[in-house]
Amino acid sequence: MGLLGSYRNPEIQSRLRRLSEKLDRLAASSAATRPTAREDRRLRGGLVPSAIKRVLQEAEGPLRARDIHAEVESLVGQPVPMSSVKNWLAKQVRAGGRLARFGRGKYRLVA
């Protein structure tokens, strides 16, 4: 029996129908449980540094690293590792850019 003959087989037709229904149910259930883009938002490159810069630009004086971290989390709207904030601050101070360290753990943008 060739391939065309097997499609005429009632047993195979019922199995194919059940398989098709099962695939439809599976596709519908995975679409319902799949997180939306907003729920699946991860920290993308540049999101934390831009939030840190914004916090420092809006600050009137030197800020502690933990205060910067808290503000960054509120801007981003999700948890941010403290190490990400501290590492970025330390790297910017070493690079000699617009960021200066004032005392232990206090940072400020300078002109």
Protein backbone atom coordinates (compact mmCIF):
# COMPACT_ATOMS: atom_id res chain seq x y z
CA MET A 1 0.00 0.00 0.00
CA GLY A 2 1.43 3.35 -1.03
CA LEU A 3 1.26 6.62 0.81
CA LEU A 4 -2.07 7.59 -0.73
CA GLY A 5 -3.58 4.31 0.34
CA SER A 6 -2.56 4.88 3.97
CA TYR A 7 -4.47 8.17 4.10
CA ARG A 8 -7.64 6.25 3.20
CA ASN A 9 -7.17 4.02 6.24
CA PRO A 10 -9.85 4.99 8.82
CA GLU A 11 -7.55 4.24 11.77
CA ILE A 12 -4.84 6.57 10.47
CA GLN A 13 -7.41 9.24 9.68
CA SER A 14 -8.71 9.17 13.26
CA ARG A 15 -5.16 9.31 14.66
CA LEU A 16 -4.31 12.28 12.43
CA ARG A 17 -7.52 14.03 13.52
CA ARG A 18 -6.70 13.47 17.23
CA LEU A 19 -3.13 14.64 16.66
CA SER A 20 -4.37 17.77 14.93
CA GLU A 21 -6.80 18.51 17.80
CA LYS A 22 -4.07 17.94 20.36
CA LEU A 23 -1.72 20.32 18.54
CA ASP A 24 -4.46 22.96 18.42
CA ARG A 25 -5.07 22.63 22.18
CA LEU A 26 -1.35 22.79 22.88
CA ALA A 27 -0.92 25.92 20.75
CA ALA A 28 -3.88 27.59 22.46
CA SER A 29 -2.62 26.78 25.96
CA SER A 30 0.95 27.92 25.31
CA ALA A 31 -0.30 31.18 23.79
CA ALA A 32 -2.38 31.82 26.91
CA THR A 33 0.52 31.17 29.32
CA ARG A 34 3.24 32.88 27.31
CA PRO A 35 4.37 36.09 29.09
CA THR A 36 3.72 39.35 27.33
CA ALA A 37 6.62 41.55 26.28
CA ARG A 38 6.04 43.81 29.30
CA GLU A 39 6.09 40.87 31.74
CA ASP A 40 9.18 39.39 30.14
CA ARG A 41 11.13 42.64 30.29
CA ARG A 42 14.72 41.94 31.19
CA LEU A 43 17.43 44.42 31.97
CA ARG A 44 18.73 45.27 28.55
CA GLY A 45 22.16 46.70 27.91
CA GLY A 46 22.23 50.40 28.58
CA LEU A 47 19.05 50.49 30.68
CA VAL A 48 20.80 50.58 34.05
CA PRO A 49 23.56 53.04 33.03
CA SER A 50 21.05 55.45 31.54
CA ALA A 51 18.94 55.24 34.71
CA ILE A 52 22.03 55.91 36.86
CA LYS A 53 22.92 58.94 34.75
CA ARG A 54 19.40 60.28 35.05
CA VAL A 55 19.41 59.84 38.84
CA LEU A 56 22.74 61.64 39.13
CA GLN A 57 21.65 64.47 36.82
CA GLU A 58 18.53 65.11 38.88
CA ALA A 59 20.40 64.98 42.21
CA GLU A 60 21.25 68.24 43.93
CA GLY A 61 24.27 66.89 45.78
CA PRO A 62 26.38 63.76 46.20
CA LEU A 63 24.39 60.54 46.59
CA ARG A 64 25.29 57.32 48.32
CA ALA A 65 25.48 54.21 46.16
CA ARG A 66 22.53 52.63 47.99
CA ASP A 67 20.39 55.72 47.33
CA ILE A 68 21.35 55.65 43.66
CA HIS A 69 20.45 51.95 43.59
CA ALA A 70 17.02 52.59 45.13
CA GLU A 71 16.26 55.37 42.65
CA VAL A 72 17.41 53.23 39.71
CA GLU A 73 15.09 50.41 40.79
CA SER A 74 12.17 52.81 41.00
CA LEU A 75 12.97 54.21 37.53
CA VAL A 76 13.40 50.80 35.92
CA GLY A 77 10.43 49.30 37.76
CA GLN A 78 12.08 46.02 38.65
CA PRO A 79 14.91 44.71 40.83
CA VAL A 80 18.41 45.71 39.75
CA PRO A 81 21.51 44.03 41.16
CA MET A 82 23.42 46.36 43.48
CA SER A 83 26.61 45.08 41.90
CA SER A 84 25.54 46.48 38.52
CA VAL A 85 25.18 49.95 40.00
CA LYS A 86 28.43 49.79 42.00
CA ASN A 87 30.45 48.38 39.12
CA TRP A 88 29.23 51.06 36.74
CA LEU A 89 29.99 53.83 39.23
CA ALA A 90 33.48 52.49 39.92
CA LYS A 91 34.24 52.11 36.22
CA GLN A 92 33.15 55.68 35.49
CA VAL A 93 35.26 57.11 38.32
CA ARG A 94 38.34 55.21 37.08
CA ALA A 95 37.73 56.39 33.52
CA GLY A 96 37.93 60.00 34.68
CA GLY A 97 34.69 61.10 33.04
CA ARG A 98 32.03 63.40 34.44
CA LEU A 99 31.55 61.28 37.56
CA ALA A 100 33.48 62.02 40.74
CA ARG A 101 33.60 60.25 44.07
CA PHE A 102 33.09 62.39 47.16
CA GLY A 103 34.03 60.37 50.19
CA ARG A 104 33.25 56.75 50.80
CA GLY A 105 30.42 55.61 48.56
CA LYS A 106 29.18 59.09 47.57
CA TYR A 107 29.03 60.04 43.91
CA ARG A 108 28.15 63.14 41.92
CA LEU A 109 28.31 64.32 38.34
CA VAL A 110 30.76 67.17 37.77
CA ALA A 111 30.79 69.66 34.91
